[in-house]
Amino acid sequence: MNVKCVGAIISIVFVSLVGLISVTDAAEVIVAFGDSITEGKGVTPYSTYLQDAVGSCASVVNQGVIGERTSGGVNRIQEVLEAYQPNYVIIMEGSNDSFWEESSSTVKFNLASMIDKVRAYNAVPILSNITPNTRNEGQGLAIPNYNNKISTLATEKGVTFVDSYNNVFPNWASLTVDGVHPNEEGAQVLANLFYGALPICQGTGSGSGSSSGGDSGGGGCFIATAAFGSPLESHVVELKRFRDQILLKTWLGKEFVQAYYKYSPPIADTIHEHAWMRFVVRVLLYPLVGLSYCMVAMVQMTSLFGMFVLTGSFAISIFFARLLYRRMRIAKVS
């Protein structure tokens, strides 16, 4: 077996064993609930930066679903509540409703139902309005009407309200990938807004500037940052790329990342305090870093290859369609 593969397996086994020995439940669970703006479209989602901010004080679970409308959210949220048993639920939905020109009153009604379900589960809802849309002028002009309904709902229900729209709108051009979805910087802005709205974890994670959570953090790569000493160290950055481009793209990978966020902070704290443990973990992580680099490179190459295959297939289809059309014309004339 390849030496790197053996090293990678040893690394994973080591971390898993330490995790089993040191497991401590996170004090709180925060669910980020919404559509593609929450899930993150091609970029690191705001939930990852929120996890950095709260540190080991809480576990942040991303439950964003691309293309979901508020009607879908109403049907899905109960399942999420039962699966994760959260203490807090951040609700940010309605962008897709505005795209399909759903009634703003219907959106308000659906969001109210979500709030009621969250409260019935003894969790605390935090409601956000819709972020801007500068890609579609008509939809962009309609969003303030939806947001007025959402802010009114927050007042009526007495829930914490986050004005995401007005906080990002002035600089939206530099905070978005495509006029609709936030980029890395936009995701960080949203994470800071939600962090400020939480009544917990203030002064514990990287968002507070505190050293207690920030030393072990690093884009959520707690153990790697503890071992290598900085979230900006090249090996840590490579592992974060693996997380964002590989793990967070699959359901199983997301589950692993959430479990890692939940159980790794106390392990990282222990590693950080002992020089010999930092050395051992670094040695064990080197093969995993190499494997991560290879997998990210393979995915990028596969995407490029897929684009060529798709283009080639389309060209071949056009060719045969034209050939068939010609033969049909010849047959018709004869």
Protein backbone atom coordinates (compact mmCIF):
# COMPACT_ATOMS: atom_id res chain seq x y z
CA MET A 1 0.00 0.00 0.00
CA ASN A 2 1.19 3.54 -0.78
CA VAL A 3 3.08 5.12 2.14
CA LYS A 4 0.94 8.29 1.92
CA CYS A 5 -2.23 6.23 2.14
CA VAL A 6 -0.91 4.42 5.22
CA GLY A 7 0.00 7.76 6.78
CA ALA A 8 -3.43 9.16 6.02
CA ILE A 9 -5.15 6.17 7.61
CA ILE A 10 -2.95 6.46 10.71
CA SER A 11 -3.77 10.16 10.95
CA ILE A 12 -7.52 9.56 10.76
CA VAL A 13 -7.36 6.70 13.27
CA PHE A 14 -5.25 8.79 15.64
CA VAL A 15 -7.63 11.75 15.58
CA SER A 16 -10.63 9.44 15.96
CA LEU A 17 -9.13 7.68 18.99
CA VAL A 18 -8.24 10.95 20.67
CA GLY A 19 -11.77 12.14 19.92
CA LEU A 20 -13.32 9.11 21.59
CA ILE A 21 -11.19 9.67 24.68
CA SER A 22 -11.83 13.42 24.89
CA VAL A 23 -15.46 13.71 23.75
CA THR A 24 -17.36 16.52 25.45
CA ASP A 25 -20.68 17.75 24.13
CA ALA A 26 -20.76 21.30 22.84
CA ALA A 27 -22.75 23.50 25.18
CA GLU A 28 -25.09 24.69 22.43
CA VAL A 29 -26.19 23.72 18.92
CA ILE A 30 -26.92 26.41 16.34
CA VAL A 31 -28.68 25.52 13.07
CA ALA A 32 -28.23 27.78 10.06
CA PHE A 33 -31.46 27.17 8.12
CA GLY A 34 -32.16 28.51 4.65
CA ASP A 35 -31.57 28.22 0.90
CA SER A 36 -28.43 28.42 -1.27
CA ILE A 37 -27.35 31.65 0.42
CA THR A 38 -27.01 29.62 3.61
CA GLU A 39 -25.65 26.47 1.98
CA GLY A 40 -22.96 28.41 0.14
CA LYS A 41 -22.79 28.31 -3.63
CA GLY A 42 -19.22 27.53 -4.66
CA VAL A 43 -17.76 29.33 -1.64
CA THR A 44 -17.32 28.73 2.07
CA PRO A 45 -20.75 29.29 3.68
CA TYR A 46 -21.33 31.82 6.45
CA SER A 47 -21.94 28.96 8.89
CA THR A 48 -18.25 28.01 8.71
CA TYR A 49 -17.19 31.52 9.71
CA LEU A 50 -19.85 31.56 12.41
CA GLN A 51 -18.32 28.35 13.77
CA ASP A 52 -14.96 30.12 13.91
CA ALA A 53 -16.57 32.98 15.82
CA VAL A 54 -18.29 30.85 18.48
CA GLY A 55 -15.33 28.46 18.85
CA SER A 56 -15.90 25.47 21.11
CA CYS A 57 -18.83 27.19 22.83
CA ALA A 58 -21.28 25.81 20.25
CA SER A 59 -21.63 23.59 17.21
CA VAL A 60 -22.96 25.25 14.05
CA VAL A 61 -24.93 23.02 11.66
CA ASN A 62 -25.49 24.14 8.07
CA GLN A 63 -28.96 23.22 6.84
CA GLY A 64 -29.20 25.29 3.70
CA VAL A 65 -30.83 23.77 0.60
CA ILE A 66 -30.28 25.20 -2.88
CA GLY A 67 -33.46 26.42 -4.56
CA GLU A 68 -35.70 26.00 -1.52
CA ARG A 69 -38.72 28.24 -1.06
CA THR A 70 -40.31 29.02 2.29
CA SER A 71 -43.02 26.41 1.62
CA GLY A 72 -40.28 23.80 1.40
CA GLY A 73 -38.69 25.17 4.54
CA VAL A 74 -41.92 24.75 6.49
CA ASN A 75 -42.07 21.09 5.47
CA ARG A 76 -38.38 20.43 6.20
CA ILE A 77 -37.70 22.28 9.43
CA GLN A 78 -39.35 19.73 11.75
CA GLU A 79 -37.03 17.01 10.48
CA VAL A 80 -34.02 19.26 11.10
CA LEU A 81 -35.19 20.07 14.62
CA GLU A 82 -35.56 16.39 15.45
CA ALA A 83 -32.21 15.46 13.92
CA TYR A 84 -30.04 18.14 15.56
CA GLN A 85 -32.01 19.23 18.64
CA PRO A 86 -30.74 22.82 18.34
CA ASN A 87 -30.81 25.56 20.93
CA TYR A 88 -30.88 28.30 18.29
CA VAL A 89 -32.12 28.35 14.68
CA ILE A 90 -31.11 31.10 12.26
CA ILE A 91 -33.83 31.38 9.59
CA MET A 92 -33.02 33.15 6.33
CA GLU A 93 -35.36 32.24 3.48
CA GLY A 94 -37.49 34.00 0.87
CA SER A 95 -35.03 34.75 -1.93
CA ASN A 96 -36.39 31.96 -4.13
CA ASP A 97 -39.97 33.01 -3.34
CA SER A 98 -39.21 36.46 -4.70
CA PHE A 99 -37.71 34.88 -7.83
CA TRP A 100 -40.93 32.91 -8.44
CA GLU A 101 -43.01 35.96 -7.50
CA GLU A 102 -44.64 34.26 -4.56
CA SER A 103 -46.84 36.54 -2.48
CA SER A 104 -44.95 38.36 0.28
CA SER A 105 -47.86 37.59 2.60
CA THR A 106 -47.39 33.88 1.89
CA VAL A 107 -43.69 34.19 2.69
CA LYS A 108 -44.57 35.91 5.96
CA PHE A 109 -47.05 33.16 6.81
CA ASN A 110 -44.52 30.40 6.07
CA LEU A 111 -41.78 32.07 8.10
CA ALA A 112 -44.24 32.47 10.98
CA SER A 113 -44.92 28.72 10.82
CA MET A 114 -41.18 28.03 10.98
CA ILE A 115 -40.82 30.28 14.02
CA ASP A 116 -43.70 28.49 15.76
CA LYS A 117 -42.16 25.08 15.06
CA VAL A 118 -38.77 26.19 16.39
CA ARG A 119 -40.34 27.53 19.57
CA ALA A 120 -42.45 24.40 20.01
CA TYR A 121 -39.17 22.51 20.07
CA ASN A 122 -37.94 24.81 22.87
CA ALA A 123 -35.35 26.40 20.59
CA VAL A 124 -34.78 30.11 19.98
CA PRO A 125 -35.47 31.43 16.44
CA ILE A 126 -33.36 34.21 14.94
CA LEU A 127 -34.92 35.74 11.83
CA SER A 128 -33.05 37.40 8.97
CA ASN A 129 -34.43 39.29 6.02
CA ILE A 130 -33.40 38.56 2.40
CA THR A 131 -30.05 39.68 1.02
CA PRO A 132 -29.96 41.87 -2.14
CA ASN A 133 -30.31 40.68 -5.73
CA THR A 134 -28.50 42.85 -8.29
CA ARG A 135 -28.52 40.18 -11.00
CA ASN A 136 -32.24 40.45 -11.67
CA GLU A 137 -33.44 44.05 -11.57
CA GLY A 138 -37.12 43.16 -11.18
CA GLN A 139 -36.49 40.75 -8.33
CA GLY A 140 -34.06 43.17 -6.72
CA LEU A 141 -36.68 45.92 -6.65
CA ALA A 142 -39.25 43.53 -5.13
CA ILE A 143 -37.05 42.34 -2.24
CA PRO A 144 -37.64 45.41 0.01
CA ASN A 145 -41.36 44.60 -0.02
CA TYR A 146 -40.63 41.06 1.21
CA ASN A 147 -38.22 42.40 3.80
CA ASN A 148 -40.83 44.81 5.17
CA LYS A 149 -43.10 41.81 5.80
CA ILE A 150 -40.23 39.89 7.43
CA SER A 151 -39.28 42.73 9.79
CA THR A 152 -42.95 43.20 10.70
CA LEU A 153 -43.17 39.48 11.45
CA ALA A 154 -40.13 39.67 13.73
CA THR A 155 -41.81 42.46 15.70
CA GLU A 156 -45.12 40.62 15.91
CA LYS A 157 -43.47 37.39 17.03
CA GLY A 158 -40.96 39.09 19.32
CA VAL A 159 -37.97 37.31 17.79
CA THR A 160 -34.43 38.56 17.30
CA PHE A 161 -34.20 40.20 13.88
CA VAL A 162 -31.04 40.51 11.76
CA ASP A 163 -31.15 43.16 9.04
CA SER A 164 -28.82 41.39 6.61
CA TYR A 165 -30.09 43.37 3.62
CA ASN A 166 -29.21 46.87 4.82
CA ASN A 167 -25.92 45.75 6.33
CA VAL A 168 -24.60 44.36 3.04
CA PHE A 169 -26.44 46.45 0.43
CA PRO A 170 -24.04 49.44 0.32
CA ASN A 171 -21.09 47.15 -0.50
CA TRP A 172 -22.97 44.29 -2.17
CA ALA A 173 -20.98 44.54 -5.41
CA SER A 174 -17.82 43.52 -3.53
CA LEU A 175 -19.60 41.00 -1.30
CA THR A 176 -21.29 38.82 -3.93
CA VAL A 177 -20.26 36.19 -6.46
CA ASP A 178 -23.07 36.69 -8.95
CA GLY A 179 -25.30 39.43 -7.61
CA VAL A 180 -27.31 36.94 -5.54
CA HIS A 181 -24.96 34.73 -3.50
CA PRO A 182 -22.34 36.08 -1.09
CA ASN A 183 -18.64 35.51 -1.75
CA GLU A 184 -16.13 34.68 0.98
CA GLU A 185 -16.10 38.24 2.29
CA GLY A 186 -19.88 38.46 2.13
CA ALA A 187 -20.21 35.20 4.05
CA GLN A 188 -17.93 36.58 6.75
CA VAL A 189 -20.07 39.73 7.04
CA LEU A 190 -23.21 37.61 7.47
CA ALA A 191 -21.46 35.41 10.04
CA ASN A 192 -20.49 38.48 12.07
CA LEU A 193 -24.07 39.76 11.96
CA PHE A 194 -25.47 36.47 13.24
CA TYR A 195 -22.70 36.15 15.82
CA GLY A 196 -23.68 39.55 17.17
CA ALA A 197 -27.33 38.47 17.38
CA LEU A 198 -26.58 35.40 19.47
CA PRO A 199 -27.01 35.81 23.23
CA ILE A 200 -24.32 33.13 23.79
CA CYS A 201 -20.65 32.52 22.99
CA GLN A 202 -19.70 36.20 23.18
CA GLY A 203 -16.01 36.43 24.02
CA THR A 204 -15.21 32.77 23.34
CA GLY A 205 -14.25 32.36 19.69
CA SER A 206 -12.23 34.06 16.96
CA GLY A 207 -15.05 36.52 16.31
CA SER A 208 -14.47 38.09 19.71
CA GLY A 209 -10.74 38.42 19.40
CA SER A 210 -10.35 36.23 22.48
CA SER A 211 -7.36 33.93 22.65
CA SER A 212 -9.18 31.11 24.36
CA GLY A 213 -11.09 30.03 21.28
CA GLY A 214 -8.97 31.64 18.60
CA ASP A 215 -5.77 29.74 19.44
CA SER A 216 -7.34 26.45 18.60
CA GLY A 217 -9.42 27.73 15.74
CA GLY A 218 -8.50 28.50 12.19
CA GLY A 219 -11.32 28.28 9.73
CA GLY A 220 -12.66 25.40 11.82
CA CYS A 221 -9.41 23.39 11.41
CA PHE A 222 -8.88 23.36 15.16
CA ILE A 223 -6.47 20.41 15.46
CA ALA A 224 -4.33 21.39 12.46
CA THR A 225 -4.06 24.98 13.69
CA ALA A 226 -3.04 23.80 17.16
CA ALA A 227 -0.38 21.54 15.62
CA PHE A 228 1.06 23.98 13.07
CA GLY A 229 0.62 27.12 15.15
CA SER A 230 -1.34 29.40 12.80
CA PRO A 231 -4.56 29.34 10.75
CA LEU A 232 -2.55 30.93 7.91
CA GLU A 233 0.12 28.19 7.85
CA SER A 234 0.22 26.58 4.39
CA HIS A 235 -0.66 23.06 5.61
CA VAL A 236 -3.71 24.39 7.49
CA VAL A 237 -4.81 26.38 4.44
CA GLU A 238 -4.55 23.22 2.32
CA LEU A 239 -6.74 21.27 4.75
CA LYS A 240 -9.31 24.07 4.68
CA ARG A 241 -9.37 23.86 0.87
CA PHE A 242 -10.03 20.13 1.19
CA ARG A 243 -12.87 20.83 3.62
CA ASP A 244 -14.47 23.51 1.44
CA GLN A 245 -14.01 21.89 -1.99
CA ILE A 246 -14.44 18.20 -1.11
CA LEU A 247 -16.06 17.51 2.26
CA LEU A 248 -18.68 20.27 2.25
CA LYS A 249 -19.89 19.21 -1.20
CA THR A 250 -21.33 15.90 0.06
CA TRP A 251 -23.85 14.95 2.72
CA LEU A 252 -21.44 12.55 4.43
CA GLY A 253 -18.67 15.13 4.33
CA LYS A 254 -20.91 17.76 5.93
CA GLU A 255 -21.82 15.32 8.70
CA PHE A 256 -18.13 14.62 9.32
CA VAL A 257 -17.31 18.34 9.45
CA GLN A 258 -20.14 19.01 11.91
CA ALA A 259 -18.94 16.15 14.15
CA TYR A 260 -15.39 17.48 13.91
CA TYR A 261 -16.52 20.98 14.91
CA LYS A 262 -18.34 19.50 17.88
CA TYR A 263 -15.66 17.26 19.30
CA SER A 264 -12.28 18.62 18.18
CA PRO A 265 -11.92 21.93 20.13
CA PRO A 266 -11.03 20.30 23.50
CA ILE A 267 -8.62 17.97 21.69
CA ALA A 268 -6.99 20.96 20.00
CA ASP A 269 -6.64 22.73 23.35
CA THR A 270 -4.78 19.72 24.76
CA ILE A 271 -2.50 19.49 21.71
CA HIS A 272 -1.77 23.22 21.89
CA GLU A 273 -0.51 22.90 25.47
CA HIS A 274 2.08 20.15 24.79
CA ALA A 275 5.02 20.60 22.41
CA TRP A 276 5.52 16.85 21.95
CA MET A 277 1.87 16.39 20.98
CA ARG A 278 2.12 19.22 18.45
CA PHE A 279 5.12 17.49 16.87
CA VAL A 280 3.42 14.07 16.75
CA VAL A 281 0.21 15.47 15.26
CA ARG A 282 2.16 17.44 12.65
CA VAL A 283 3.95 14.24 11.57
CA LEU A 284 0.64 12.39 11.38
CA LEU A 285 -1.05 15.19 9.44
CA TYR A 286 1.61 15.55 6.72
CA PRO A 287 0.32 12.55 4.69
CA LEU A 288 -3.25 13.77 5.10
CA VAL A 289 -2.25 17.19 3.80
CA GLY A 290 -0.62 15.53 0.79
CA LEU A 291 -3.72 13.44 0.15
CA SER A 292 -5.92 16.54 0.47
CA TYR A 293 -3.80 18.40 -2.07
CA CYS A 294 -4.04 15.53 -4.56
CA MET A 295 -7.82 15.17 -4.15
CA VAL A 296 -8.47 18.90 -4.62
CA ALA A 297 -6.25 18.90 -7.72
CA MET A 298 -8.09 15.85 -9.09
CA VAL A 299 -11.48 17.49 -8.59
CA GLN A 300 -10.31 20.61 -10.43
CA MET A 301 -8.95 18.50 -13.29
CA THR A 302 -12.15 16.45 -13.39
CA SER A 303 -14.25 19.62 -13.62
CA LEU A 304 -12.14 20.85 -16.55
CA PHE A 305 -12.34 17.44 -18.23
CA GLY A 306 -16.11 17.37 -17.67
CA MET A 307 -16.46 20.75 -19.36
CA PHE A 308 -14.59 19.47 -22.43
CA VAL A 309 -16.68 16.28 -22.49
CA LEU A 310 -19.92 18.28 -22.23
CA THR A 311 -18.84 20.65 -24.99
CA GLY A 312 -17.74 17.74 -27.19
CA SER A 313 -20.98 15.86 -26.61
CA PHE A 314 -23.00 18.93 -27.53
CA ALA A 315 -20.99 19.42 -30.75
CA ILE A 316 -21.41 15.75 -31.71
CA SER A 317 -25.14 15.96 -31.04
CA ILE A 318 -25.44 19.00 -33.30
CA PHE A 319 -23.44 17.23 -36.01
CA PHE A 320 -25.64 14.11 -36.00
CA ALA A 321 -28.82 16.19 -35.76
CA ARG A 322 -27.82 18.12 -38.88
CA LEU A 323 -26.84 14.88 -40.62
CA LEU A 324 -30.20 13.31 -39.78
CA TYR A 325 -32.01 16.46 -40.93
CA ARG A 326 -30.20 16.35 -44.29
CA ARG A 327 -31.05 12.69 -44.84
CA MET A 328 -34.67 13.33 -43.98
CA ARG A 329 -34.79 16.16 -46.55
CA ILE A 330 -33.15 13.97 -49.22
CA ALA A 331 -35.57 11.14 -48.49
CA LYS A 332 -38.51 13.56 -48.69
CA VAL A 333 -37.37 14.96 -52.07
CA SER A 334 -36.78 11.50 -53.54
